[in-house]
Amino acid sequence: MAFGDSDGKVVSMTPQDTEDSSVPLPVKIVVAGGYAVGKTTFVGSISEIEPLTTEAALTTVSRGVDDEGDANLKSSTTVALDFGRVALGNELVLYLFGTPGQDRFRFMWDELTRGAIGAVVLLDTRRFEDSFGAVEYFERAKVPFVVAVNAFHGQLHHSLDDVRDGLDLAPDIPIVATDARERELTKATLLELVEFALVRANHAEAA
């Protein structure tokens, strides 16, 4: 099995690389996106451990500094990271790192992305433009990513084709509909990313 790391190098892991081939391969994944798109919920819905969160209450001081958009009912926000863990069968253990959404914490993304095999970019179609920064970041860093459109209240305000066109995504970038509250949909999103990252890494290895 081979993946590309955040520097674009191919990382290979085969049974002979470990003393016990039954030990699952640890894989780091970043969950990113704009403010209040559901990153903390996404990590919490799938994590097999009590997720670590760094939620802080929103105060009047942050009003006008953090762009709330249509999420003005939100009472807290991530100020460092969210962390969760989930096993996929007996082969992989995914370690999920959720990024803070506010622009003023963007400096943390480089460290959170280091060593990751890929990223899930969550998108809220009510605030489409909030995802531009995350997409541009992972394109520039050459980190494989999938775009997951979070269906708030079961509604998508734009079709997946419209989202692809609006974000100007490359044809091979996967885009899926999900619901950050639903474990099975979150799992399907993560599987989509793992498969895409593996394809990218195999292409890089072949080249």
N, C-alpha and C. Protein backbone atom coordinates (compact mmCIF):
# COMPACT_ATOMS: atom_id res chain seq x y z
N MET A 1 0.85 -1.19 0.00
CA MET A 1 0.00 0.00 0.00
C MET A 1 0.88 1.23 0.00
N ALA A 2 0.52 2.23 -0.80
CA ALA A 2 1.35 3.43 -0.90
C ALA A 2 0.46 4.66 -0.90
N PHE A 3 0.93 5.70 -0.25
CA PHE A 3 0.25 6.97 -0.24
C PHE A 3 1.26 8.06 -0.50
N GLY A 4 0.77 9.25 -0.88
CA GLY A 4 1.62 10.42 -0.99
C GLY A 4 1.53 11.23 0.27
N ASP A 5 2.67 11.69 0.79
CA ASP A 5 2.63 12.53 1.98
C ASP A 5 2.43 13.99 1.58
N SER A 6 2.44 14.89 2.56
CA SER A 6 2.12 16.29 2.28
C SER A 6 3.19 16.98 1.45
N ASP A 7 4.35 16.35 1.28
CA ASP A 7 5.40 16.91 0.43
C ASP A 7 5.37 16.33 -0.96
N GLY A 8 4.35 15.47 -1.24
CA GLY A 8 4.23 14.88 -2.56
C GLY A 8 5.03 13.62 -2.75
N LYS A 9 5.77 13.19 -1.72
CA LYS A 9 6.55 11.96 -1.83
C LYS A 9 5.66 10.75 -1.59
N VAL A 10 6.02 9.64 -2.21
CA VAL A 10 5.24 8.42 -2.05
C VAL A 10 5.71 7.66 -0.83
N VAL A 11 4.76 7.35 0.03
CA VAL A 11 5.05 6.57 1.23
C VAL A 11 4.47 5.19 1.04
N SER A 12 5.31 4.17 1.10
CA SER A 12 4.87 2.80 0.89
C SER A 12 4.89 2.04 2.20
N MET A 13 3.85 1.24 2.42
CA MET A 13 3.78 0.42 3.62
C MET A 13 3.30 -0.97 3.21
N THR A 14 4.13 -1.95 3.36
CA THR A 14 3.80 -3.32 3.06
C THR A 14 3.97 -4.15 4.31
N PRO A 15 3.42 -5.38 4.35
CA PRO A 15 3.51 -6.17 5.57
C PRO A 15 4.92 -6.33 6.10
N GLN A 16 5.94 -6.42 5.22
CA GLN A 16 7.31 -6.60 5.72
C GLN A 16 7.85 -5.35 6.39
N ASP A 17 7.13 -4.20 6.22
CA ASP A 17 7.57 -2.97 6.87
C ASP A 17 7.29 -2.96 8.36
N THR A 18 6.46 -3.87 8.82
CA THR A 18 6.11 -3.91 10.22
C THR A 18 6.43 -5.29 10.78
N GLU A 19 6.64 -5.36 12.09
CA GLU A 19 6.94 -6.64 12.73
C GLU A 19 5.72 -7.54 12.70
N ASP A 20 4.55 -6.97 12.79
CA ASP A 20 3.32 -7.74 12.80
C ASP A 20 2.42 -7.20 11.70
N SER A 21 2.18 -8.02 10.66
CA SER A 21 1.40 -7.55 9.53
C SER A 21 -0.06 -7.33 9.88
N SER A 22 -0.49 -7.80 11.09
CA SER A 22 -1.88 -7.59 11.50
C SER A 22 -2.09 -6.20 12.11
N VAL A 23 -1.02 -5.47 12.33
CA VAL A 23 -1.13 -4.13 12.89
C VAL A 23 -1.65 -3.19 11.81
N PRO A 24 -2.77 -2.49 12.06
CA PRO A 24 -3.31 -1.60 11.02
C PRO A 24 -2.40 -0.42 10.76
N LEU A 25 -2.46 0.09 9.54
CA LEU A 25 -1.65 1.22 9.12
C LEU A 25 -2.28 2.52 9.62
N PRO A 26 -1.52 3.35 10.37
CA PRO A 26 -2.06 4.64 10.80
C PRO A 26 -2.04 5.64 9.66
N VAL A 27 -3.14 6.35 9.48
CA VAL A 27 -3.28 7.30 8.38
C VAL A 27 -3.84 8.61 8.94
N LYS A 28 -3.20 9.71 8.59
CA LYS A 28 -3.64 11.03 9.05
C LYS A 28 -4.47 11.70 7.97
N ILE A 29 -5.62 12.23 8.36
CA ILE A 29 -6.52 12.93 7.46
C ILE A 29 -6.91 14.27 8.08
N VAL A 30 -6.94 15.30 7.26
CA VAL A 30 -7.35 16.64 7.70
C VAL A 30 -8.79 16.88 7.27
N VAL A 31 -9.57 17.44 8.17
CA VAL A 31 -10.95 17.86 7.86
C VAL A 31 -10.97 19.38 7.91
N ALA A 32 -11.19 20.01 6.77
CA ALA A 32 -11.05 21.46 6.68
C ALA A 32 -12.30 22.07 6.07
N GLY A 33 -12.30 23.40 6.01
CA GLY A 33 -13.42 24.12 5.44
C GLY A 33 -13.59 25.45 6.13
N GLY A 34 -14.60 26.18 5.70
CA GLY A 34 -14.86 27.49 6.26
C GLY A 34 -15.46 27.43 7.65
N TYR A 35 -15.77 28.59 8.16
CA TYR A 35 -16.34 28.73 9.50
C TYR A 35 -17.74 28.09 9.56
N ALA A 36 -17.97 27.25 10.57
CA ALA A 36 -19.30 26.70 10.87
C ALA A 36 -19.86 25.82 9.76
N VAL A 37 -19.00 25.06 9.06
CA VAL A 37 -19.49 24.16 8.02
C VAL A 37 -19.77 22.76 8.55
N GLY A 38 -19.38 22.47 9.81
CA GLY A 38 -19.68 21.16 10.38
C GLY A 38 -18.48 20.28 10.63
N LYS A 39 -17.29 20.85 10.71
CA LYS A 39 -16.07 20.04 10.88
C LYS A 39 -16.06 19.29 12.21
N THR A 40 -16.41 19.98 13.30
CA THR A 40 -16.43 19.33 14.61
C THR A 40 -17.47 18.22 14.64
N THR A 41 -18.63 18.47 14.04
CA THR A 41 -19.68 17.46 13.97
C THR A 41 -19.24 16.26 13.14
N PHE A 42 -18.57 16.53 12.03
CA PHE A 42 -18.07 15.47 11.14
C PHE A 42 -17.13 14.53 11.90
N VAL A 43 -16.15 15.11 12.58
CA VAL A 43 -15.19 14.29 13.33
C VAL A 43 -15.90 13.52 14.45
N GLY A 44 -16.79 14.19 15.15
CA GLY A 44 -17.48 13.54 16.27
C GLY A 44 -18.42 12.43 15.86
N SER A 45 -18.98 12.50 14.66
CA SER A 45 -19.95 11.50 14.22
C SER A 45 -19.31 10.15 13.92
N ILE A 46 -18.01 10.13 13.63
CA ILE A 46 -17.35 8.90 13.21
C ILE A 46 -16.33 8.40 14.21
N SER A 47 -15.83 9.26 15.09
CA SER A 47 -14.73 8.88 15.98
C SER A 47 -15.15 7.77 16.95
N GLU A 48 -14.27 6.78 17.08
CA GLU A 48 -14.52 5.68 18.01
C GLU A 48 -14.06 6.00 19.42
N ILE A 49 -13.36 7.10 19.57
CA ILE A 49 -12.97 7.57 20.89
C ILE A 49 -13.70 8.88 21.16
N GLU A 50 -13.72 9.30 22.40
CA GLU A 50 -14.28 10.61 22.71
C GLU A 50 -13.43 11.66 22.00
N PRO A 51 -14.01 12.37 21.05
CA PRO A 51 -13.18 13.29 20.27
C PRO A 51 -12.65 14.43 21.13
N LEU A 52 -11.42 14.80 20.84
CA LEU A 52 -10.83 15.98 21.46
C LEU A 52 -11.28 17.20 20.69
N THR A 53 -11.85 18.17 21.38
CA THR A 53 -12.25 19.40 20.73
C THR A 53 -11.66 20.58 21.49
N THR A 54 -11.49 21.66 20.79
CA THR A 54 -10.98 22.89 21.42
C THR A 54 -11.97 24.01 21.14
N GLU A 55 -13.21 23.78 21.56
CA GLU A 55 -14.26 24.76 21.35
C GLU A 55 -14.15 25.87 22.38
N ALA A 56 -14.30 27.08 21.92
CA ALA A 56 -14.34 28.24 22.81
C ALA A 56 -15.60 29.04 22.51
N ALA A 57 -16.16 29.63 23.56
CA ALA A 57 -17.38 30.41 23.39
C ALA A 57 -17.11 31.64 22.54
N LEU A 58 -18.05 31.93 21.66
CA LEU A 58 -17.97 33.17 20.90
C LEU A 58 -18.33 34.34 21.80
N THR A 59 -17.62 35.42 21.66
CA THR A 59 -17.87 36.61 22.45
C THR A 59 -18.11 37.79 21.55
N THR A 60 -18.56 38.88 22.13
CA THR A 60 -18.79 40.08 21.34
C THR A 60 -17.49 40.61 20.75
N VAL A 61 -16.35 40.25 21.36
CA VAL A 61 -15.06 40.71 20.85
C VAL A 61 -14.79 40.13 19.47
N SER A 62 -15.25 38.88 19.25
CA SER A 62 -14.97 38.21 17.98
C SER A 62 -15.92 38.66 16.88
N ARG A 63 -17.02 39.30 17.22
CA ARG A 63 -17.95 39.77 16.20
C ARG A 63 -17.25 40.82 15.33
N GLY A 64 -17.32 40.61 14.03
CA GLY A 64 -16.62 41.52 13.13
C GLY A 64 -15.21 41.08 12.82
N VAL A 65 -14.65 40.20 13.68
CA VAL A 65 -13.33 39.60 13.40
C VAL A 65 -13.53 38.27 12.71
N ASP A 66 -14.40 37.43 13.28
CA ASP A 66 -14.77 36.16 12.66
C ASP A 66 -16.03 36.37 11.83
N ASP A 67 -15.93 36.10 10.54
CA ASP A 67 -17.07 36.27 9.65
C ASP A 67 -18.05 35.13 9.88
N GLU A 68 -19.22 35.45 10.42
CA GLU A 68 -20.19 34.41 10.76
C GLU A 68 -21.10 34.04 9.61
N GLY A 69 -21.19 34.89 8.63
CA GLY A 69 -22.09 34.59 7.52
C GLY A 69 -23.50 34.34 8.02
N ASP A 70 -24.08 33.21 7.60
CA ASP A 70 -25.43 32.85 8.03
C ASP A 70 -25.40 31.96 9.27
N ALA A 71 -24.25 31.82 9.90
CA ALA A 71 -24.13 30.91 11.04
C ALA A 71 -24.15 31.68 12.36
N ASN A 72 -24.95 32.74 12.43
CA ASN A 72 -24.90 33.60 13.61
C ASN A 72 -25.57 33.01 14.83
N LEU A 73 -26.14 31.81 14.72
CA LEU A 73 -26.70 31.14 15.89
C LEU A 73 -25.65 30.27 16.58
N LYS A 74 -24.47 30.16 16.01
CA LYS A 74 -23.41 29.34 16.57
C LYS A 74 -22.87 30.03 17.82
N SER A 75 -22.73 29.26 18.92
CA SER A 75 -22.33 29.85 20.20
C SER A 75 -20.87 29.56 20.55
N SER A 76 -20.22 28.64 19.82
CA SER A 76 -18.82 28.33 20.10
C SER A 76 -18.14 27.99 18.79
N THR A 77 -16.80 27.95 18.84
CA THR A 77 -16.04 27.68 17.63
C THR A 77 -14.72 27.02 17.98
N THR A 78 -14.16 26.25 17.03
CA THR A 78 -12.87 25.60 17.23
C THR A 78 -11.75 26.63 17.12
N VAL A 79 -10.86 26.62 18.11
CA VAL A 79 -9.77 27.60 18.11
C VAL A 79 -8.39 26.93 17.94
N ALA A 80 -8.33 25.61 17.92
CA ALA A 80 -7.05 24.94 17.68
C ALA A 80 -7.27 23.77 16.72
N LEU A 81 -7.88 22.69 17.20
CA LEU A 81 -8.14 21.56 16.33
C LEU A 81 -9.19 20.67 16.96
N ASP A 82 -9.77 19.81 16.13
CA ASP A 82 -10.57 18.68 16.60
C ASP A 82 -9.78 17.42 16.28
N PHE A 83 -9.90 16.40 17.13
CA PHE A 83 -9.15 15.18 16.89
C PHE A 83 -10.04 13.98 17.17
N GLY A 84 -10.02 13.01 16.26
CA GLY A 84 -10.76 11.78 16.44
C GLY A 84 -10.02 10.63 15.79
N ARG A 85 -10.47 9.40 16.08
CA ARG A 85 -9.83 8.21 15.52
C ARG A 85 -10.90 7.19 15.17
N VAL A 86 -10.70 6.51 14.02
CA VAL A 86 -11.64 5.48 13.61
C VAL A 86 -10.88 4.43 12.82
N ALA A 87 -11.19 3.16 13.06
CA ALA A 87 -10.59 2.05 12.31
C ALA A 87 -11.47 1.70 11.13
N LEU A 88 -10.85 1.47 9.98
CA LEU A 88 -11.54 0.98 8.80
C LEU A 88 -11.10 -0.46 8.57
N GLY A 89 -11.90 -1.40 9.05
CA GLY A 89 -11.52 -2.81 8.96
C GLY A 89 -10.30 -3.08 9.82
N ASN A 90 -9.49 -4.04 9.37
CA ASN A 90 -8.28 -4.40 10.10
C ASN A 90 -7.02 -3.82 9.48
N GLU A 91 -7.18 -2.99 8.42
CA GLU A 91 -6.02 -2.51 7.68
C GLU A 91 -5.63 -1.07 8.00
N LEU A 92 -6.62 -0.22 8.27
CA LEU A 92 -6.34 1.20 8.44
C LEU A 92 -6.93 1.74 9.74
N VAL A 93 -6.19 2.62 10.36
CA VAL A 93 -6.72 3.45 11.45
C VAL A 93 -6.57 4.90 11.02
N LEU A 94 -7.69 5.60 10.92
CA LEU A 94 -7.66 6.99 10.48
C LEU A 94 -7.61 7.91 11.69
N TYR A 95 -6.67 8.83 11.66
CA TYR A 95 -6.57 9.87 12.68
C TYR A 95 -7.03 11.17 12.04
N LEU A 96 -8.12 11.72 12.56
CA LEU A 96 -8.77 12.88 11.94
C LEU A 96 -8.41 14.15 12.69
N PHE A 97 -7.95 15.16 11.94
CA PHE A 97 -7.58 16.45 12.50
C PHE A 97 -8.44 17.52 11.85
N GLY A 98 -9.35 18.08 12.62
CA GLY A 98 -10.21 19.15 12.12
C GLY A 98 -9.56 20.50 12.32
N THR A 99 -9.54 21.31 11.27
CA THR A 99 -8.89 22.62 11.34
C THR A 99 -9.86 23.66 11.88
N PRO A 100 -9.35 24.73 12.49
CA PRO A 100 -10.21 25.87 12.80
C PRO A 100 -10.62 26.56 11.52
N GLY A 101 -11.84 27.10 11.49
CA GLY A 101 -12.35 27.65 10.25
C GLY A 101 -12.03 29.11 10.00
N GLN A 102 -11.75 29.86 11.07
CA GLN A 102 -11.56 31.30 10.89
C GLN A 102 -10.23 31.59 10.19
N ASP A 103 -10.23 32.62 9.37
CA ASP A 103 -9.03 32.99 8.63
C ASP A 103 -7.87 33.31 9.56
N ARG A 104 -8.13 33.86 10.74
CA ARG A 104 -7.04 34.27 11.63
C ARG A 104 -6.27 33.08 12.20
N PHE A 105 -6.83 31.85 12.05
CA PHE A 105 -6.13 30.66 12.52
C PHE A 105 -5.53 29.86 11.36
N ARG A 106 -5.52 30.43 10.16
CA ARG A 106 -5.05 29.70 8.99
C ARG A 106 -3.57 29.32 9.09
N PHE A 107 -2.81 30.05 9.91
CA PHE A 107 -1.38 29.74 10.06
C PHE A 107 -1.16 28.34 10.63
N MET A 108 -2.18 27.76 11.28
CA MET A 108 -2.04 26.44 11.88
C MET A 108 -2.17 25.31 10.87
N TRP A 109 -2.70 25.62 9.70
CA TRP A 109 -2.99 24.56 8.74
C TRP A 109 -1.75 23.82 8.27
N ASP A 110 -0.64 24.53 8.10
CA ASP A 110 0.59 23.88 7.62
C ASP A 110 0.99 22.75 8.57
N GLU A 111 0.93 23.01 9.87
CA GLU A 111 1.34 22.00 10.84
C GLU A 111 0.33 20.86 10.90
N LEU A 112 -0.95 21.18 10.84
CA LEU A 112 -1.97 20.13 10.89
C LEU A 112 -1.94 19.25 9.64
N THR A 113 -1.53 19.81 8.51
CA THR A 113 -1.52 19.06 7.25
C THR A 113 -0.26 18.22 7.10
N ARG A 114 0.80 18.55 7.84
CA ARG A 114 2.06 17.83 7.69
C ARG A 114 1.87 16.34 7.95
N GLY A 115 2.25 15.50 6.99
CA GLY A 115 2.14 14.05 7.13
C GLY A 115 0.79 13.48 6.78
N ALA A 116 -0.18 14.33 6.41
CA ALA A 116 -1.51 13.84 6.06
C ALA A 116 -1.52 13.25 4.65
N ILE A 117 -2.30 12.19 4.45
CA ILE A 117 -2.41 11.60 3.11
C ILE A 117 -3.46 12.31 2.28
N GLY A 118 -4.29 13.13 2.93
CA GLY A 118 -5.32 13.84 2.19
C GLY A 118 -6.22 14.63 3.11
N ALA A 119 -7.20 15.30 2.51
CA ALA A 119 -8.09 16.18 3.27
C ALA A 119 -9.52 16.06 2.75
N VAL A 120 -10.45 16.25 3.67
CA VAL A 120 -11.85 16.43 3.33
C VAL A 120 -12.15 17.92 3.47
N VAL A 121 -12.61 18.54 2.38
CA VAL A 121 -13.02 19.94 2.43
C VAL A 121 -14.54 19.97 2.53
N LEU A 122 -15.04 20.33 3.72
CA LEU A 122 -16.49 20.43 3.91
C LEU A 122 -17.00 21.75 3.36
N LEU A 123 -18.17 21.70 2.75
CA LEU A 123 -18.74 22.89 2.13
C LEU A 123 -20.20 23.01 2.52
N ASP A 124 -20.61 24.21 2.87
CA ASP A 124 -22.00 24.55 3.13
C ASP A 124 -22.48 25.38 1.94
N THR A 125 -23.44 24.86 1.17
CA THR A 125 -23.85 25.56 -0.05
C THR A 125 -24.58 26.86 0.23
N ARG A 126 -24.94 27.11 1.50
CA ARG A 126 -25.52 28.42 1.83
C ARG A 126 -24.45 29.51 1.87
N ARG A 127 -23.18 29.06 2.06
CA ARG A 127 -22.07 30.01 2.12
C ARG A 127 -20.95 29.46 1.25
N PHE A 128 -21.27 29.39 -0.03
CA PHE A 128 -20.43 28.74 -1.02
C PHE A 128 -19.01 29.29 -1.03
N GLU A 129 -18.89 30.60 -0.96
CA GLU A 129 -17.60 31.26 -1.11
C GLU A 129 -16.64 30.96 0.04
N ASP A 130 -17.14 30.49 1.17
CA ASP A 130 -16.28 30.23 2.33
C ASP A 130 -15.31 29.07 2.09
N SER A 131 -15.56 28.26 1.07
CA SER A 131 -14.71 27.10 0.81
C SER A 131 -13.59 27.38 -0.18
N PHE A 132 -13.59 28.55 -0.82
CA PHE A 132 -12.56 28.86 -1.81
C PHE A 132 -11.16 28.76 -1.20
N GLY A 133 -10.99 29.30 0.00
CA GLY A 133 -9.66 29.32 0.62
C GLY A 133 -9.12 27.93 0.88
N ALA A 134 -9.99 27.02 1.37
CA ALA A 134 -9.54 25.66 1.67
C ALA A 134 -9.16 24.91 0.40
N VAL A 135 -9.97 25.06 -0.65
CA VAL A 135 -9.67 24.40 -1.93
C VAL A 135 -8.34 24.91 -2.48
N GLU A 136 -8.15 26.21 -2.46
CA GLU A 136 -6.90 26.79 -2.97
C GLU A 136 -5.71 26.32 -2.14
N TYR A 137 -5.90 26.20 -0.83
CA TYR A 137 -4.79 25.78 0.04
C TYR A 137 -4.31 24.38 -0.34
N PHE A 138 -5.22 23.42 -0.46
CA PHE A 138 -4.82 22.05 -0.74
C PHE A 138 -4.36 21.86 -2.18
N GLU A 139 -4.90 22.64 -3.10
CA GLU A 139 -4.38 22.60 -4.47
C GLU A 139 -2.93 23.09 -4.49
N ARG A 140 -2.67 24.18 -3.80
CA ARG A 140 -1.32 24.74 -3.78
C ARG A 140 -0.34 23.80 -3.07
N ALA A 141 -0.80 23.14 -1.98
CA ALA A 141 0.05 22.23 -1.22
C ALA A 141 0.17 20.87 -1.89
N LYS A 142 -0.59 20.64 -2.96
CA LYS A 142 -0.58 19.36 -3.69
C LYS A 142 -0.95 18.20 -2.76
N VAL A 143 -1.92 18.44 -1.91
CA VAL A 143 -2.46 17.42 -1.01
C VAL A 143 -3.77 16.90 -1.62
N PRO A 144 -3.91 15.59 -1.82
CA PRO A 144 -5.18 15.08 -2.36
C PRO A 144 -6.35 15.46 -1.45
N PHE A 145 -7.47 15.84 -2.06
CA PHE A 145 -8.64 16.19 -1.25
C PHE A 145 -9.92 15.85 -1.99
N VAL A 146 -10.96 15.66 -1.22
CA VAL A 146 -12.31 15.52 -1.77
C VAL A 146 -13.15 16.66 -1.20
N VAL A 147 -14.12 17.10 -1.97
CA VAL A 147 -15.06 18.11 -1.51
C VAL A 147 -16.33 17.40 -1.07
N ALA A 148 -16.74 17.63 0.17
CA ALA A 148 -17.94 17.01 0.73
C ALA A 148 -18.96 18.10 1.02
N VAL A 149 -20.06 18.07 0.30
CA VAL A 149 -21.10 19.08 0.47
C VAL A 149 -22.01 18.65 1.61
N ASN A 150 -21.98 19.41 2.69
CA ASN A 150 -22.74 19.07 3.89
C ASN A 150 -24.19 19.51 3.70
N ALA A 151 -25.10 18.54 3.77
CA ALA A 151 -26.52 18.82 3.56
C ALA A 151 -27.17 19.23 4.89
N PHE A 152 -27.14 20.52 5.18
CA PHE A 152 -27.80 21.03 6.38
C PHE A 152 -29.32 20.88 6.22
N HIS A 153 -29.96 20.25 7.20
CA HIS A 153 -31.41 20.01 7.18
C HIS A 153 -31.82 19.22 5.93
N GLY A 154 -30.89 18.41 5.43
CA GLY A 154 -31.18 17.55 4.29
C GLY A 154 -31.30 18.28 2.97
N GLN A 155 -30.86 19.53 2.93
CA GLN A 155 -31.03 20.33 1.72
C GLN A 155 -29.69 20.72 1.11
N LEU A 156 -29.60 20.60 -0.21
CA LEU A 156 -28.47 21.12 -0.97
C LEU A 156 -28.97 22.30 -1.79
N HIS A 157 -28.37 23.44 -1.59
CA HIS A 157 -28.83 24.64 -2.28
C HIS A 157 -28.24 24.77 -3.68
N HIS A 158 -27.26 23.92 -3.99
CA HIS A 158 -26.69 23.87 -5.34
C HIS A 158 -26.43 22.40 -5.67
N SER A 159 -26.55 22.04 -6.93
CA SER A 159 -26.23 20.68 -7.35
C SER A 159 -24.72 20.46 -7.26
N LEU A 160 -24.32 19.17 -7.22
CA LEU A 160 -22.89 18.86 -7.17
C LEU A 160 -22.17 19.36 -8.42
N ASP A 161 -22.84 19.32 -9.55
CA ASP A 161 -22.23 19.84 -10.79
C ASP A 161 -22.00 21.34 -10.69
N ASP A 162 -22.97 22.05 -10.09
CA ASP A 162 -22.81 23.49 -9.92
C ASP A 162 -21.67 23.81 -8.95
N VAL A 163 -21.55 22.98 -7.90
CA VAL A 163 -20.45 23.18 -6.95
C VAL A 163 -19.11 22.97 -7.64
N ARG A 164 -19.00 21.92 -8.44
CA ARG A 164 -17.75 21.66 -9.17
C ARG A 164 -17.40 22.84 -10.07
N ASP A 165 -18.38 23.35 -10.79
CA ASP A 165 -18.14 24.48 -11.69
C ASP A 165 -17.76 25.73 -10.89
N GLY A 166 -18.46 25.96 -9.78
CA GLY A 166 -18.22 27.15 -8.99
C GLY A 166 -16.85 27.17 -8.35
N LEU A 167 -16.37 25.99 -7.94
CA LEU A 167 -15.04 25.88 -7.33
C LEU A 167 -13.95 25.70 -8.36
N ASP A 168 -14.34 25.50 -9.62
CA ASP A 168 -13.38 25.28 -10.71
C ASP A 168 -12.47 24.10 -10.38
N LEU A 169 -13.09 22.99 -9.96
CA LEU A 169 -12.33 21.80 -9.58
C LEU A 169 -11.84 21.05 -10.80
N ALA A 170 -10.66 20.45 -10.66
CA ALA A 170 -10.16 19.57 -11.70
C ALA A 170 -11.12 18.38 -11.86
N PRO A 171 -11.22 17.82 -13.06
CA PRO A 171 -12.20 16.76 -13.31
C PRO A 171 -12.04 15.53 -12.41
N ASP A 172 -10.80 15.27 -11.94
CA ASP A 172 -10.59 14.06 -11.15
C ASP A 172 -10.84 14.26 -9.66
N ILE A 173 -11.08 15.48 -9.21
CA ILE A 173 -11.31 15.71 -7.78
C ILE A 173 -12.70 15.20 -7.42
N PRO A 174 -12.81 14.24 -6.50
CA PRO A 174 -14.13 13.73 -6.12
C PRO A 174 -14.95 14.79 -5.38
N ILE A 175 -16.24 14.79 -5.64
CA ILE A 175 -17.17 15.65 -4.91
C ILE A 175 -18.38 14.80 -4.52
N VAL A 176 -18.73 14.84 -3.24
CA VAL A 176 -19.79 13.97 -2.73
C VAL A 176 -20.74 14.78 -1.87
N ALA A 177 -21.97 14.31 -1.75
CA ALA A 177 -22.92 14.86 -0.80
C ALA A 177 -22.82 14.05 0.50
N THR A 178 -22.86 14.74 1.62
CA THR A 178 -22.74 14.05 2.90
C THR A 178 -23.62 14.75 3.93
N ASP A 179 -23.66 14.19 5.11
CA ASP A 179 -24.31 14.81 6.26
C ASP A 179 -23.40 14.57 7.44
N ALA A 180 -22.80 15.63 7.95
CA ALA A 180 -21.79 15.49 9.00
C ALA A 180 -22.33 14.84 10.26
N ARG A 181 -23.64 14.76 10.40
CA ARG A 181 -24.23 14.15 11.59
C ARG A 181 -24.37 12.64 11.47
N GLU A 182 -24.30 12.13 10.23
CA GLU A 182 -24.60 10.72 9.97
C GLU A 182 -23.33 9.91 9.81
N ARG A 183 -23.12 8.94 10.70
CA ARG A 183 -21.89 8.16 10.72
C ARG A 183 -21.62 7.46 9.39
N GLU A 184 -22.61 6.84 8.80
CA GLU A 184 -22.39 6.09 7.57
C GLU A 184 -22.00 7.00 6.41
N LEU A 185 -22.60 8.18 6.35
CA LEU A 185 -22.25 9.11 5.29
C LEU A 185 -20.86 9.69 5.51
N THR A 186 -20.52 9.95 6.77
CA THR A 186 -19.17 10.40 7.07
C THR A 186 -18.15 9.33 6.71
N LYS A 187 -18.45 8.09 7.02
CA LYS A 187 -17.55 6.98 6.69
C LYS A 187 -17.36 6.87 5.17
N ALA A 188 -18.46 6.99 4.43
CA ALA A 188 -18.37 6.90 2.97
C ALA A 188 -17.49 8.02 2.41
N THR A 189 -17.58 9.21 3.00
CA THR A 189 -16.74 10.32 2.56
C THR A 189 -15.27 10.02 2.79
N LEU A 190 -14.95 9.48 3.96
CA LEU A 190 -13.57 9.15 4.28
C LEU A 190 -13.03 8.05 3.36
N LEU A 191 -13.85 7.06 3.06
CA LEU A 191 -13.43 6.00 2.14
C LEU A 191 -13.15 6.57 0.75
N GLU A 192 -13.97 7.51 0.33
CA GLU A 192 -13.76 8.16 -0.97
C GLU A 192 -12.39 8.84 -0.99
N LEU A 193 -12.05 9.51 0.11
CA LEU A 193 -10.75 10.19 0.17
C LEU A 193 -9.60 9.20 0.16
N VAL A 194 -9.70 8.13 0.97
CA VAL A 194 -8.62 7.14 1.03
C VAL A 194 -8.38 6.52 -0.34
N GLU A 195 -9.45 6.18 -1.04
CA GLU A 195 -9.31 5.59 -2.37
C GLU A 195 -8.67 6.58 -3.35
N PHE A 196 -9.10 7.84 -3.27
CA PHE A 196 -8.53 8.85 -4.17
C PHE A 196 -7.06 9.09 -3.87
N ALA A 197 -6.71 9.16 -2.59
CA ALA A 197 -5.30 9.36 -2.21
C ALA A 197 -4.44 8.19 -2.68
N LEU A 198 -4.98 6.98 -2.60
CA LEU A 198 -4.24 5.80 -3.04
C LEU A 198 -4.01 5.82 -4.55
N VAL A 199 -5.04 6.22 -5.30
CA VAL A 199 -4.90 6.33 -6.75
C VAL A 199 -3.83 7.36 -7.10
N ARG A 200 -3.89 8.53 -6.44
CA ARG A 200 -2.91 9.58 -6.70
C ARG A 200 -1.49 9.09 -6.39
N ALA A 201 -1.33 8.38 -5.27
CA ALA A 201 -0.01 7.90 -4.88
C ALA A 201 0.51 6.85 -5.86
N ASN A 202 -0.37 5.97 -6.33
CA ASN A 202 0.04 4.95 -7.28
C ASN A 202 0.46 5.57 -8.61
N HIS A 203 -0.24 6.64 -9.03
CA HIS A 203 0.14 7.33 -10.25
C HIS A 203 1.51 7.98 -10.10
N ALA A 204 1.73 8.58 -8.92
CA ALA A 204 3.02 9.24 -8.67
C ALA A 204 4.15 8.21 -8.64
N GLU A 205 3.87 7.04 -8.05
CA GLU A 205 4.88 5.99 -7.97
C GLU A 205 5.22 5.46 -9.36
N ALA A 206 4.18 5.31 -10.20
CA ALA A 206 4.40 4.82 -11.56
C ALA A 206 5.19 5.81 -12.39
N ALA A 207 4.98 7.10 -12.11
CA ALA A 207 5.69 8.12 -12.87
C ALA A 207 7.15 8.21 -12.46
